[in-house]
N, C-alpha and C. Protein backbone atom coordinates (compact mmCIF):
# COMPACT_ATOMS: atom_id res chain seq x y z
N MET A 1 7.34 8.21 202.71
CA MET A 1 7.96 8.68 203.95
C MET A 1 7.98 7.55 204.98
N ALA A 2 9.08 7.45 205.73
CA ALA A 2 9.20 6.43 206.76
C ALA A 2 8.12 6.58 207.82
N ARG A 3 7.59 5.47 208.28
CA ARG A 3 6.55 5.50 209.32
C ARG A 3 7.15 5.45 210.72
N PHE A 4 8.44 5.08 210.81
CA PHE A 4 9.09 4.93 212.11
C PHE A 4 10.38 5.77 212.14
N THR A 5 10.67 6.35 213.28
CA THR A 5 11.89 7.14 213.43
C THR A 5 13.10 6.24 213.57
N ARG A 6 14.28 6.81 213.37
CA ARG A 6 15.49 6.01 213.50
C ARG A 6 15.71 5.55 214.94
N ILE A 7 15.22 6.31 215.89
CA ILE A 7 15.32 5.89 217.29
C ILE A 7 14.41 4.68 217.54
N GLU A 8 13.21 4.71 216.98
CA GLU A 8 12.29 3.58 217.12
C GLU A 8 12.88 2.32 216.49
N VAL A 9 13.56 2.50 215.36
CA VAL A 9 14.19 1.35 214.70
C VAL A 9 15.24 0.72 215.60
N ALA A 10 16.13 1.54 216.14
CA ALA A 10 17.21 1.03 216.99
C ALA A 10 16.67 0.35 218.24
N LEU A 11 15.66 0.94 218.85
CA LEU A 11 15.08 0.36 220.07
C LEU A 11 14.38 -0.96 219.80
N LYS A 12 13.67 -1.04 218.69
CA LYS A 12 12.94 -2.27 218.38
C LYS A 12 13.91 -3.38 217.94
N MET A 13 14.99 -3.01 217.29
CA MET A 13 16.03 -4.01 216.96
C MET A 13 16.55 -4.65 218.25
N LYS A 14 16.81 -3.82 219.23
CA LYS A 14 17.32 -4.30 220.51
C LYS A 14 16.29 -5.16 221.23
N GLU A 15 15.05 -4.71 221.21
CA GLU A 15 13.98 -5.39 221.94
C GLU A 15 13.74 -6.80 221.43
N THR A 16 13.60 -6.95 220.11
CA THR A 16 13.30 -8.28 219.55
C THR A 16 14.55 -9.11 219.34
N GLY A 17 15.66 -8.45 219.05
CA GLY A 17 16.94 -9.15 218.95
C GLY A 17 17.25 -9.81 217.62
N ILE A 18 16.23 -10.01 216.79
CA ILE A 18 16.42 -10.71 215.53
C ILE A 18 15.80 -9.92 214.39
N VAL A 19 16.58 -9.75 213.31
CA VAL A 19 16.11 -9.07 212.11
C VAL A 19 16.21 -10.05 210.93
N PRO A 20 15.09 -10.58 210.46
CA PRO A 20 15.14 -11.45 209.28
C PRO A 20 15.59 -10.66 208.05
N VAL A 21 16.37 -11.31 207.21
CA VAL A 21 16.89 -10.71 205.98
C VAL A 21 16.41 -11.56 204.82
N PHE A 22 15.64 -10.96 203.88
CA PHE A 22 15.00 -11.79 202.87
C PHE A 22 14.70 -11.04 201.58
N TYR A 23 14.82 -11.77 200.48
CA TYR A 23 14.37 -11.27 199.18
C TYR A 23 13.78 -12.42 198.37
N HIS A 24 12.73 -12.12 197.64
CA HIS A 24 12.19 -13.05 196.65
C HIS A 24 11.53 -12.20 195.57
N LYS A 25 11.66 -12.63 194.34
CA LYS A 25 11.10 -11.84 193.24
C LYS A 25 9.58 -11.91 193.19
N ASP A 26 9.01 -12.92 193.86
CA ASP A 26 7.55 -13.09 193.89
C ASP A 26 6.98 -12.32 195.09
N LEU A 27 6.19 -11.32 194.81
CA LEU A 27 5.61 -10.50 195.87
C LEU A 27 4.79 -11.32 196.85
N GLU A 28 4.04 -12.29 196.34
CA GLU A 28 3.18 -13.09 197.21
C GLU A 28 4.00 -13.91 198.20
N VAL A 29 5.14 -14.42 197.77
CA VAL A 29 6.02 -15.15 198.68
C VAL A 29 6.55 -14.19 199.75
N CYS A 30 6.91 -13.00 199.35
CA CYS A 30 7.39 -11.99 200.31
C CYS A 30 6.32 -11.68 201.35
N LYS A 31 5.10 -11.57 200.92
CA LYS A 31 4.00 -11.29 201.84
C LYS A 31 3.84 -12.42 202.85
N GLU A 32 3.90 -13.65 202.38
CA GLU A 32 3.74 -14.81 203.27
C GLU A 32 4.87 -14.86 204.29
N VAL A 33 6.10 -14.64 203.84
CA VAL A 33 7.25 -14.66 204.74
C VAL A 33 7.15 -13.53 205.76
N LEU A 34 6.82 -12.35 205.29
CA LEU A 34 6.69 -11.20 206.18
C LEU A 34 5.65 -11.46 207.27
N MET A 35 4.50 -11.99 206.89
CA MET A 35 3.43 -12.21 207.87
C MET A 35 3.76 -13.35 208.83
N ALA A 36 4.45 -14.38 208.34
CA ALA A 36 4.85 -15.47 209.23
C ALA A 36 5.83 -14.94 210.29
N CYS A 37 6.75 -14.10 209.85
CA CYS A 37 7.70 -13.50 210.79
C CYS A 37 6.99 -12.56 211.77
N TYR A 38 6.03 -11.83 211.27
CA TYR A 38 5.26 -10.90 212.11
C TYR A 38 4.48 -11.66 213.19
N ARG A 39 3.82 -12.73 212.77
CA ARG A 39 3.07 -13.55 213.75
C ARG A 39 4.01 -14.20 214.76
N GLY A 40 5.24 -14.48 214.33
CA GLY A 40 6.22 -15.08 215.22
C GLY A 40 6.85 -14.10 216.20
N GLY A 41 6.60 -12.81 216.00
CA GLY A 41 7.10 -11.81 216.94
C GLY A 41 8.10 -10.82 216.39
N VAL A 42 8.48 -10.98 215.13
CA VAL A 42 9.43 -10.03 214.52
C VAL A 42 8.77 -8.68 214.32
N ARG A 43 9.53 -7.63 214.58
CA ARG A 43 9.02 -6.28 214.35
C ARG A 43 9.96 -5.41 213.52
N VAL A 44 11.10 -5.98 213.13
CA VAL A 44 12.03 -5.30 212.22
C VAL A 44 12.42 -6.31 211.15
N PHE A 45 12.20 -5.95 209.88
CA PHE A 45 12.40 -6.89 208.77
C PHE A 45 13.19 -6.20 207.67
N GLU A 46 14.26 -6.86 207.22
CA GLU A 46 15.13 -6.28 206.18
C GLU A 46 14.86 -6.96 204.83
N PHE A 47 14.31 -6.21 203.91
CA PHE A 47 14.12 -6.67 202.53
C PHE A 47 15.43 -6.42 201.79
N THR A 48 15.92 -7.45 201.08
CA THR A 48 17.20 -7.34 200.40
C THR A 48 17.03 -6.81 198.99
N ASN A 49 17.79 -5.79 198.66
CA ASN A 49 17.76 -5.22 197.32
C ASN A 49 18.58 -6.12 196.39
N ARG A 50 17.91 -7.09 195.80
CA ARG A 50 18.61 -8.07 194.98
C ARG A 50 17.71 -8.47 193.82
N GLY A 51 18.24 -8.39 192.62
CA GLY A 51 17.45 -8.80 191.48
C GLY A 51 16.78 -7.63 190.78
N ASP A 52 16.44 -7.85 189.51
CA ASP A 52 15.79 -6.80 188.72
C ASP A 52 14.43 -6.43 189.32
N PHE A 53 14.13 -5.16 189.35
CA PHE A 53 12.86 -4.62 189.81
C PHE A 53 12.57 -4.90 191.29
N ALA A 54 13.65 -5.11 192.05
CA ALA A 54 13.47 -5.37 193.49
C ALA A 54 12.74 -4.21 194.16
N HIS A 55 13.02 -2.99 193.70
CA HIS A 55 12.38 -1.83 194.33
C HIS A 55 10.87 -1.83 194.10
N GLU A 56 10.42 -2.40 192.99
CA GLU A 56 8.98 -2.48 192.72
C GLU A 56 8.31 -3.48 193.67
N VAL A 57 9.01 -4.58 193.93
CA VAL A 57 8.49 -5.56 194.90
C VAL A 57 8.40 -4.92 196.28
N PHE A 58 9.46 -4.21 196.65
CA PHE A 58 9.47 -3.56 197.97
C PHE A 58 8.34 -2.55 198.11
N ALA A 59 8.11 -1.77 197.07
CA ALA A 59 7.07 -0.74 197.14
C ALA A 59 5.72 -1.35 197.48
N GLU A 60 5.40 -2.45 196.85
CA GLU A 60 4.12 -3.12 197.11
C GLU A 60 4.11 -3.80 198.47
N LEU A 61 5.26 -4.38 198.83
CA LEU A 61 5.35 -5.05 200.13
C LEU A 61 5.21 -4.06 201.27
N ASN A 62 5.76 -2.87 201.09
CA ASN A 62 5.68 -1.86 202.13
C ASN A 62 4.25 -1.37 202.33
N LYS A 63 3.53 -1.22 201.23
CA LYS A 63 2.11 -0.85 201.33
C LYS A 63 1.33 -1.94 202.04
N PHE A 64 1.63 -3.19 201.69
CA PHE A 64 0.96 -4.34 202.31
C PHE A 64 1.25 -4.38 203.81
N ALA A 65 2.51 -4.16 204.19
CA ALA A 65 2.89 -4.20 205.60
C ALA A 65 2.19 -3.12 206.41
N ALA A 66 2.10 -1.94 205.85
CA ALA A 66 1.46 -0.83 206.56
C ALA A 66 0.01 -1.15 206.91
N GLU A 67 -0.64 -1.90 206.04
CA GLU A 67 -2.05 -2.23 206.26
C GLU A 67 -2.25 -3.50 207.08
N ASN A 68 -1.41 -4.50 206.86
CA ASN A 68 -1.63 -5.81 207.47
C ASN A 68 -0.71 -6.15 208.63
N ALA A 69 0.41 -5.43 208.73
CA ALA A 69 1.35 -5.64 209.84
C ALA A 69 1.82 -4.28 210.31
N PRO A 70 0.93 -3.49 210.89
CA PRO A 70 1.21 -2.08 211.19
C PRO A 70 2.38 -1.83 212.13
N GLU A 71 2.76 -2.81 212.93
CA GLU A 71 3.89 -2.62 213.84
C GLU A 71 5.22 -3.07 213.22
N MET A 72 5.16 -3.61 212.02
CA MET A 72 6.38 -4.09 211.37
C MET A 72 7.18 -2.91 210.81
N ILE A 73 8.45 -2.84 211.19
CA ILE A 73 9.36 -1.82 210.69
C ILE A 73 10.11 -2.43 209.51
N LEU A 74 9.73 -2.05 208.32
CA LEU A 74 10.29 -2.63 207.11
C LEU A 74 11.37 -1.72 206.53
N GLY A 75 12.53 -2.29 206.29
CA GLY A 75 13.63 -1.53 205.71
C GLY A 75 14.29 -2.32 204.60
N VAL A 76 15.38 -1.79 204.08
CA VAL A 76 16.04 -2.39 202.93
C VAL A 76 17.53 -2.56 203.17
N GLY A 77 18.06 -3.71 202.75
CA GLY A 77 19.49 -3.97 202.88
C GLY A 77 20.16 -4.18 201.54
N SER A 78 21.46 -4.39 201.60
CA SER A 78 22.31 -4.58 200.40
C SER A 78 22.31 -3.35 199.50
N ILE A 79 22.21 -2.17 200.11
CA ILE A 79 22.29 -0.91 199.38
C ILE A 79 23.74 -0.43 199.42
N VAL A 80 24.29 -0.02 198.27
CA VAL A 80 25.71 0.32 198.23
C VAL A 80 26.01 1.74 197.72
N ASP A 81 24.97 2.50 197.38
CA ASP A 81 25.23 3.85 196.87
C ASP A 81 24.12 4.80 197.27
N ALA A 82 24.41 6.09 197.13
CA ALA A 82 23.47 7.13 197.56
C ALA A 82 22.21 7.16 196.70
N GLY A 83 22.36 6.92 195.41
CA GLY A 83 21.20 6.97 194.52
C GLY A 83 20.15 5.93 194.87
N THR A 84 20.60 4.70 195.11
CA THR A 84 19.65 3.64 195.47
C THR A 84 19.07 3.89 196.85
N THR A 85 19.86 4.48 197.72
CA THR A 85 19.37 4.86 199.05
C THR A 85 18.18 5.82 198.91
N SER A 86 18.34 6.83 198.08
CA SER A 86 17.28 7.81 197.85
C SER A 86 16.04 7.16 197.27
N LEU A 87 16.24 6.23 196.35
CA LEU A 87 15.11 5.53 195.73
C LEU A 87 14.26 4.82 196.78
N TYR A 88 14.91 4.08 197.66
CA TYR A 88 14.16 3.32 198.67
C TYR A 88 13.56 4.21 199.75
N ILE A 89 14.23 5.29 200.07
CA ILE A 89 13.64 6.24 201.02
C ILE A 89 12.36 6.82 200.44
N GLN A 90 12.39 7.11 199.15
CA GLN A 90 11.20 7.63 198.48
C GLN A 90 10.05 6.62 198.53
N LEU A 91 10.39 5.34 198.58
CA LEU A 91 9.38 4.28 198.63
C LEU A 91 8.96 3.95 200.06
N GLY A 92 9.48 4.71 201.03
CA GLY A 92 9.03 4.57 202.42
C GLY A 92 9.85 3.66 203.29
N SER A 93 11.07 3.33 202.88
CA SER A 93 11.90 2.47 203.71
C SER A 93 12.16 3.12 205.06
N ASN A 94 12.04 2.34 206.12
CA ASN A 94 12.23 2.86 207.48
C ASN A 94 13.69 2.81 207.93
N PHE A 95 14.50 2.05 207.22
CA PHE A 95 15.93 2.03 207.51
C PHE A 95 16.67 1.50 206.29
N ILE A 96 17.96 1.79 206.26
CA ILE A 96 18.83 1.37 205.17
C ILE A 96 20.02 0.61 205.77
N VAL A 97 20.28 -0.57 205.22
CA VAL A 97 21.43 -1.37 205.65
C VAL A 97 22.34 -1.59 204.45
N SER A 98 23.64 -1.55 204.68
CA SER A 98 24.59 -1.71 203.60
C SER A 98 25.70 -2.68 203.98
N PRO A 99 26.25 -3.42 203.02
CA PRO A 99 27.42 -4.26 203.31
C PRO A 99 28.71 -3.46 203.34
N VAL A 100 28.63 -2.17 202.97
CA VAL A 100 29.82 -1.32 202.91
C VAL A 100 29.61 -0.04 203.71
N LEU A 101 30.70 0.69 203.90
CA LEU A 101 30.66 1.99 204.57
C LEU A 101 30.82 3.08 203.52
N ASN A 102 29.75 3.80 203.25
CA ASN A 102 29.73 4.81 202.20
C ASN A 102 29.20 6.12 202.79
N ALA A 103 30.07 7.11 202.87
CA ALA A 103 29.71 8.38 203.51
C ALA A 103 28.59 9.11 202.78
N ASP A 104 28.51 8.95 201.46
CA ASP A 104 27.45 9.61 200.69
C ASP A 104 26.07 9.07 201.10
N MET A 105 26.00 7.79 201.41
CA MET A 105 24.75 7.20 201.88
C MET A 105 24.35 7.79 203.22
N ALA A 106 25.35 8.01 204.08
CA ALA A 106 25.07 8.58 205.40
C ALA A 106 24.43 9.95 205.26
N LYS A 107 24.94 10.77 204.34
CA LYS A 107 24.40 12.11 204.14
C LYS A 107 22.94 12.06 203.71
N VAL A 108 22.63 11.16 202.79
CA VAL A 108 21.25 11.03 202.31
C VAL A 108 20.32 10.62 203.45
N CYS A 109 20.73 9.63 204.22
CA CYS A 109 19.89 9.15 205.32
C CYS A 109 19.73 10.20 206.42
N ASN A 110 20.83 10.86 206.76
CA ASN A 110 20.78 11.85 207.83
C ASN A 110 19.90 13.04 207.49
N ARG A 111 19.89 13.44 206.23
CA ARG A 111 19.03 14.55 205.82
C ARG A 111 17.56 14.23 206.04
N ARG A 112 17.21 12.95 205.93
CA ARG A 112 15.82 12.54 206.10
C ARG A 112 15.58 11.86 207.44
N LYS A 113 16.60 11.84 208.30
CA LYS A 113 16.53 11.22 209.63
C LYS A 113 16.11 9.76 209.55
N ILE A 114 16.72 9.07 208.59
CA ILE A 114 16.48 7.64 208.38
C ILE A 114 17.61 6.84 209.01
N SER A 115 17.27 5.76 209.69
CA SER A 115 18.28 4.89 210.29
C SER A 115 19.16 4.28 209.20
N TRP A 116 20.47 4.30 209.45
CA TRP A 116 21.46 3.82 208.49
C TRP A 116 22.44 2.89 209.19
N SER A 117 22.55 1.65 208.71
CA SER A 117 23.47 0.68 209.31
C SER A 117 24.47 0.20 208.26
N PRO A 118 25.66 0.79 208.24
CA PRO A 118 26.66 0.41 207.25
C PRO A 118 27.42 -0.85 207.66
N GLY A 119 27.95 -1.55 206.66
CA GLY A 119 28.76 -2.73 206.94
C GLY A 119 30.19 -2.35 207.30
N CYS A 120 30.66 -2.88 208.42
CA CYS A 120 32.01 -2.56 208.90
C CYS A 120 32.78 -3.84 209.20
N GLY A 121 34.10 -3.77 209.04
CA GLY A 121 34.92 -4.94 209.31
C GLY A 121 36.13 -4.64 210.18
N SER A 122 36.16 -3.43 210.76
CA SER A 122 37.28 -3.06 211.63
C SER A 122 36.82 -2.02 212.64
N VAL A 123 37.63 -1.84 213.68
CA VAL A 123 37.33 -0.84 214.69
C VAL A 123 37.33 0.56 214.07
N THR A 124 38.24 0.79 213.14
CA THR A 124 38.33 2.09 212.49
C THR A 124 37.05 2.39 211.71
N GLU A 125 36.55 1.40 210.96
CA GLU A 125 35.32 1.60 210.19
C GLU A 125 34.13 1.83 211.11
N ILE A 126 34.06 1.09 212.21
CA ILE A 126 32.96 1.28 213.16
C ILE A 126 32.99 2.68 213.74
N SER A 127 34.17 3.16 214.11
CA SER A 127 34.31 4.51 214.66
C SER A 127 33.89 5.56 213.64
N TYR A 128 34.31 5.38 212.39
CA TYR A 128 33.96 6.34 211.35
C TYR A 128 32.46 6.32 211.07
N ALA A 129 31.87 5.13 211.07
CA ALA A 129 30.42 5.01 210.85
C ALA A 129 29.65 5.75 211.93
N GLU A 130 30.10 5.63 213.16
CA GLU A 130 29.43 6.33 214.26
C GLU A 130 29.64 7.83 214.15
N GLU A 131 30.80 8.24 213.69
CA GLU A 131 31.06 9.66 213.44
C GLU A 131 30.10 10.21 212.39
N LEU A 132 29.74 9.36 211.42
CA LEU A 132 28.82 9.75 210.36
C LEU A 132 27.35 9.64 210.77
N GLY A 133 27.10 9.18 212.00
CA GLY A 133 25.74 9.17 212.51
C GLY A 133 25.05 7.83 212.61
N ALA A 134 25.79 6.73 212.39
CA ALA A 134 25.17 5.40 212.48
C ALA A 134 24.91 5.04 213.94
N GLU A 135 23.67 4.72 214.26
CA GLU A 135 23.32 4.29 215.61
C GLU A 135 23.65 2.81 215.81
N VAL A 136 23.30 2.00 214.81
CA VAL A 136 23.58 0.56 214.84
C VAL A 136 24.46 0.25 213.63
N VAL A 137 25.63 -0.31 213.86
CA VAL A 137 26.51 -0.67 212.75
C VAL A 137 26.39 -2.17 212.48
N LYS A 138 26.55 -2.51 211.22
CA LYS A 138 26.49 -3.91 210.80
C LYS A 138 27.91 -4.43 210.65
N ILE A 139 28.20 -5.64 211.14
CA ILE A 139 29.45 -6.26 210.78
C ILE A 139 29.13 -7.36 209.79
N PHE A 140 29.86 -7.34 208.68
CA PHE A 140 29.55 -8.26 207.58
C PHE A 140 30.82 -8.54 206.78
N PRO A 141 30.99 -9.81 206.39
CA PRO A 141 30.24 -10.99 206.86
C PRO A 141 30.64 -11.35 208.28
N GLY A 142 29.65 -11.54 209.13
CA GLY A 142 29.87 -11.67 210.57
C GLY A 142 30.91 -12.70 210.98
N SER A 143 30.80 -13.89 210.44
CA SER A 143 31.73 -14.95 210.85
C SER A 143 33.12 -14.72 210.26
N GLN A 144 33.19 -14.16 209.06
CA GLN A 144 34.48 -13.95 208.41
C GLN A 144 35.31 -12.82 209.02
N VAL A 145 34.65 -11.81 209.57
CA VAL A 145 35.42 -10.71 210.17
C VAL A 145 35.89 -11.03 211.58
N GLY A 146 35.49 -12.18 212.09
CA GLY A 146 35.97 -12.58 213.41
C GLY A 146 34.93 -13.15 214.35
N GLY A 147 33.67 -13.13 213.92
CA GLY A 147 32.61 -13.73 214.73
C GLY A 147 32.41 -13.06 216.07
N PRO A 148 31.84 -13.78 217.04
CA PRO A 148 31.57 -13.21 218.36
C PRO A 148 32.81 -12.64 219.05
N SER A 149 33.96 -13.26 218.82
CA SER A 149 35.19 -12.76 219.47
C SER A 149 35.56 -11.37 218.96
N PHE A 150 35.23 -11.08 217.70
CA PHE A 150 35.47 -9.74 217.15
C PHE A 150 34.58 -8.72 217.86
N VAL A 151 33.31 -9.06 218.02
CA VAL A 151 32.38 -8.16 218.70
C VAL A 151 32.85 -7.89 220.13
N LYS A 152 33.24 -8.95 220.81
CA LYS A 152 33.71 -8.81 222.20
C LYS A 152 34.94 -7.91 222.25
N GLY A 153 35.84 -8.07 221.26
CA GLY A 153 37.03 -7.24 221.21
C GLY A 153 36.71 -5.78 220.98
N VAL A 154 35.74 -5.52 220.10
CA VAL A 154 35.33 -4.14 219.80
C VAL A 154 34.70 -3.48 221.03
N LYS A 155 33.88 -4.25 221.75
CA LYS A 155 33.15 -3.69 222.89
C LYS A 155 34.07 -3.29 224.04
N GLY A 156 35.32 -3.77 224.01
CA GLY A 156 36.28 -3.35 225.04
C GLY A 156 36.54 -1.85 224.97
N PRO A 157 37.12 -1.36 223.87
CA PRO A 157 37.37 0.08 223.75
C PRO A 157 36.13 0.88 223.36
N PHE A 158 35.12 0.20 222.77
CA PHE A 158 33.90 0.89 222.32
C PHE A 158 32.66 0.30 223.00
N PRO A 159 32.53 0.44 224.31
CA PRO A 159 31.38 -0.16 224.99
C PRO A 159 30.04 0.43 224.57
N TRP A 160 30.08 1.60 223.94
CA TRP A 160 28.86 2.28 223.50
C TRP A 160 28.35 1.80 222.14
N SER A 161 29.16 1.04 221.43
CA SER A 161 28.80 0.63 220.07
C SER A 161 27.65 -0.37 220.06
N SER A 162 26.71 -0.16 219.13
CA SER A 162 25.60 -1.09 218.93
C SER A 162 25.86 -1.84 217.64
N ILE A 163 26.06 -3.15 217.75
CA ILE A 163 26.53 -3.96 216.62
C ILE A 163 25.52 -5.02 216.23
N MET A 164 25.28 -5.12 214.91
CA MET A 164 24.38 -6.14 214.35
C MET A 164 25.17 -7.00 213.37
N PRO A 165 25.50 -8.25 213.73
CA PRO A 165 26.17 -9.13 212.78
C PRO A 165 25.17 -9.77 211.83
N THR A 166 25.57 -9.92 210.58
CA THR A 166 24.81 -10.68 209.60
C THR A 166 25.80 -11.56 208.86
N GLY A 167 25.46 -12.83 208.73
CA GLY A 167 26.39 -13.79 208.14
C GLY A 167 27.02 -14.62 209.24
N GLY A 168 26.69 -15.91 209.26
CA GLY A 168 27.23 -16.76 210.32
C GLY A 168 26.38 -16.79 211.57
N VAL A 169 25.16 -16.29 211.47
CA VAL A 169 24.23 -16.31 212.62
C VAL A 169 23.19 -17.40 212.38
N GLU A 170 22.98 -18.25 213.39
CA GLU A 170 22.03 -19.36 213.28
C GLU A 170 21.02 -19.29 214.42
N PRO A 171 19.78 -19.75 214.18
CA PRO A 171 18.74 -19.70 215.22
C PRO A 171 18.85 -20.87 216.21
N THR A 172 20.05 -21.08 216.74
CA THR A 172 20.28 -22.15 217.71
C THR A 172 20.73 -21.54 219.03
N ALA A 173 20.52 -22.28 220.11
CA ALA A 173 20.90 -21.78 221.43
C ALA A 173 22.41 -21.53 221.51
N ASP A 174 23.20 -22.45 220.98
CA ASP A 174 24.66 -22.32 221.05
C ASP A 174 25.14 -21.09 220.29
N ASN A 175 24.67 -20.93 219.06
CA ASN A 175 25.13 -19.82 218.23
C ASN A 175 24.67 -18.47 218.77
N LEU A 176 23.38 -18.38 219.12
CA LEU A 176 22.86 -17.12 219.63
C LEU A 176 23.50 -16.73 220.96
N THR A 177 23.78 -17.72 221.79
CA THR A 177 24.43 -17.44 223.07
C THR A 177 25.79 -16.78 222.86
N LYS A 178 26.57 -17.31 221.91
CA LYS A 178 27.90 -16.75 221.64
C LYS A 178 27.81 -15.29 221.19
N TRP A 179 26.88 -15.01 220.28
CA TRP A 179 26.75 -13.63 219.79
C TRP A 179 26.24 -12.68 220.87
N LEU A 180 25.21 -13.12 221.58
CA LEU A 180 24.61 -12.24 222.59
C LEU A 180 25.54 -11.99 223.76
N GLU A 181 26.25 -13.02 224.19
CA GLU A 181 27.19 -12.84 225.30
C GLU A 181 28.37 -11.97 224.89
N ALA A 182 28.64 -11.90 223.58
CA ALA A 182 29.70 -11.02 223.08
C ALA A 182 29.28 -9.56 223.14
N GLY A 183 27.94 -9.32 223.18
CA GLY A 183 27.45 -7.95 223.34
C GLY A 183 26.78 -7.34 222.14
N VAL A 184 26.24 -8.18 221.23
CA VAL A 184 25.58 -7.60 220.05
C VAL A 184 24.29 -6.89 220.44
N HIS A 185 23.92 -5.93 219.62
CA HIS A 185 22.66 -5.19 219.79
C HIS A 185 21.49 -6.05 219.32
N CYS A 186 21.71 -6.74 218.20
CA CYS A 186 20.74 -7.66 217.60
C CYS A 186 21.49 -8.46 216.55
N VAL A 187 20.83 -9.42 215.92
CA VAL A 187 21.46 -10.20 214.85
C VAL A 187 20.56 -10.21 213.62
N GLY A 188 21.19 -10.28 212.45
CA GLY A 188 20.46 -10.43 211.21
C GLY A 188 20.57 -11.87 210.74
N MET A 189 19.48 -12.43 210.26
CA MET A 189 19.47 -13.83 209.81
C MET A 189 18.72 -13.97 208.51
N GLY A 190 19.33 -14.69 207.57
CA GLY A 190 18.70 -14.93 206.29
C GLY A 190 18.30 -16.37 206.10
N SER A 191 19.08 -17.09 205.29
CA SER A 191 18.72 -18.46 204.91
C SER A 191 18.78 -19.46 206.05
N GLN A 192 19.47 -19.12 207.13
CA GLN A 192 19.47 -20.02 208.29
C GLN A 192 18.11 -20.03 208.98
N LEU A 193 17.39 -18.94 208.83
CA LEU A 193 16.07 -18.82 209.44
C LEU A 193 14.97 -19.13 208.42
N ILE A 194 15.05 -18.48 207.27
CA ILE A 194 14.06 -18.67 206.20
C ILE A 194 14.68 -19.62 205.20
N THR A 195 14.56 -20.91 205.45
CA THR A 195 15.29 -21.92 204.69
C THR A 195 14.67 -22.19 203.31
N LYS A 196 15.47 -22.82 202.46
CA LYS A 196 14.99 -23.19 201.13
C LYS A 196 13.82 -24.15 201.21
N ASP A 197 13.87 -25.07 202.16
CA ASP A 197 12.78 -26.05 202.30
C ASP A 197 11.47 -25.38 202.68
N ILE A 198 11.54 -24.40 203.56
CA ILE A 198 10.33 -23.67 203.96
C ILE A 198 9.72 -22.99 202.75
N LEU A 199 10.56 -22.35 201.95
CA LEU A 199 10.06 -21.66 200.76
C LEU A 199 9.55 -22.63 199.71
N LYS A 200 10.27 -23.71 199.51
CA LYS A 200 9.89 -24.71 198.50
C LYS A 200 8.54 -25.33 198.82
N ASN A 201 8.32 -25.61 200.11
CA ASN A 201 7.09 -26.28 200.54
C ASN A 201 5.99 -25.31 200.95
N GLY A 202 6.30 -24.02 200.97
CA GLY A 202 5.31 -23.04 201.42
C GLY A 202 4.90 -23.29 202.86
N ASP A 203 5.86 -23.74 203.66
CA ASP A 203 5.56 -24.13 205.04
C ASP A 203 5.76 -22.92 205.97
N TYR A 204 4.86 -21.99 205.88
CA TYR A 204 5.01 -20.75 206.63
C TYR A 204 4.67 -20.91 208.11
N ALA A 205 3.93 -21.96 208.45
CA ALA A 205 3.66 -22.24 209.86
C ALA A 205 4.94 -22.63 210.57
N THR A 206 5.78 -23.39 209.88
CA THR A 206 7.08 -23.77 210.45
C THR A 206 7.96 -22.55 210.62
N LEU A 207 7.94 -21.64 209.64
CA LEU A 207 8.72 -20.41 209.75
C LEU A 207 8.26 -19.58 210.95
N GLU A 208 6.96 -19.45 211.11
CA GLU A 208 6.42 -18.71 212.25
C GLU A 208 6.93 -19.29 213.57
N GLN A 209 6.94 -20.63 213.66
CA GLN A 209 7.38 -21.28 214.89
C GLN A 209 8.89 -21.09 215.10
N LYS A 210 9.66 -21.18 214.01
CA LYS A 210 11.11 -20.98 214.11
C LYS A 210 11.43 -19.57 214.61
N VAL A 211 10.71 -18.60 214.08
CA VAL A 211 10.91 -17.21 214.49
C VAL A 211 10.55 -17.02 215.95
N SER A 212 9.41 -17.57 216.35
CA SER A 212 8.96 -17.45 217.74
C SER A 212 9.96 -18.09 218.69
N ASP A 213 10.45 -19.27 218.31
CA ASP A 213 11.43 -19.98 219.15
C ASP A 213 12.74 -19.19 219.26
N ALA A 214 13.17 -18.59 218.14
CA ALA A 214 14.42 -17.84 218.14
C ALA A 214 14.33 -16.60 219.01
N ILE A 215 13.21 -15.90 218.93
CA ILE A 215 13.03 -14.70 219.75
C ILE A 215 12.95 -15.07 221.23
N ALA A 216 12.30 -16.18 221.52
CA ALA A 216 12.23 -16.66 222.90
C ALA A 216 13.62 -17.01 223.41
N LEU A 217 14.44 -17.60 222.54
CA LEU A 217 15.81 -17.93 222.90
C LEU A 217 16.61 -16.68 223.26
N VAL A 218 16.43 -15.65 222.46
CA VAL A 218 17.12 -14.39 222.72
C VAL A 218 16.75 -13.85 224.11
N GLN A 219 15.47 -13.86 224.41
CA GLN A 219 15.02 -13.35 225.71
C GLN A 219 15.55 -14.20 226.85
N GLN A 220 15.57 -15.50 226.62
CA GLN A 220 16.07 -16.43 227.65
C GLN A 220 17.55 -16.21 227.91
N ILE A 221 18.33 -16.07 226.85
CA ILE A 221 19.77 -15.86 226.99
C ILE A 221 20.06 -14.54 227.68
N ARG A 222 19.33 -13.51 227.31
CA ARG A 222 19.55 -12.19 227.91
C ARG A 222 19.18 -12.14 229.38
N SER A 223 18.25 -12.99 229.78
CA SER A 223 17.77 -12.96 231.16
C SER A 223 18.71 -13.66 232.15
N LYS A 224 19.69 -14.36 231.61
CA LYS A 224 20.61 -15.10 232.49
C LYS A 224 21.53 -14.15 233.27
């Protein structure tokens, strides 16, 4: 069962501004990355459903997070169907993120009051996702669907929409400024934040610092 409500998920996404997106088949690497992000200030973390037995890795990681990072809201991304949605909800996922808009997934999440963020690439899809109960919608791939200018365009007729781009987001002042000034709710970041070099070298102190700096940047930009 989820430890956090869908309202808590949406609020914490907004508060911290950054949602790391990560998968590794090695549970121990996942634990190190999760804790480095937690120490850096992250409170919402998206585990990617990728690779054989990914759900088994998540199950153990979620138990670990509950004990060692109690404020971390751990959820799952790259889910594309209702069956896999149910599987991860059963394993305690606090939210579900998808690269697609699938109404059957919405029904599963809504029955259990689980936060659901579907992938959208148009105003019509965003409107339909909100009709289906999505509090925060994902635009994916963020840069390919139009980048910050797309978000700004959507916020004109839909000022109430809460948008999380993933893809094309970098932990730099220039990039984050463009997204935040466009009006995003938060941003998702994968390999731009958790780089291959960090993983290769096991340099989790550097990851912690990168995360801390990125969150500080978000707060600084928002305060202007």
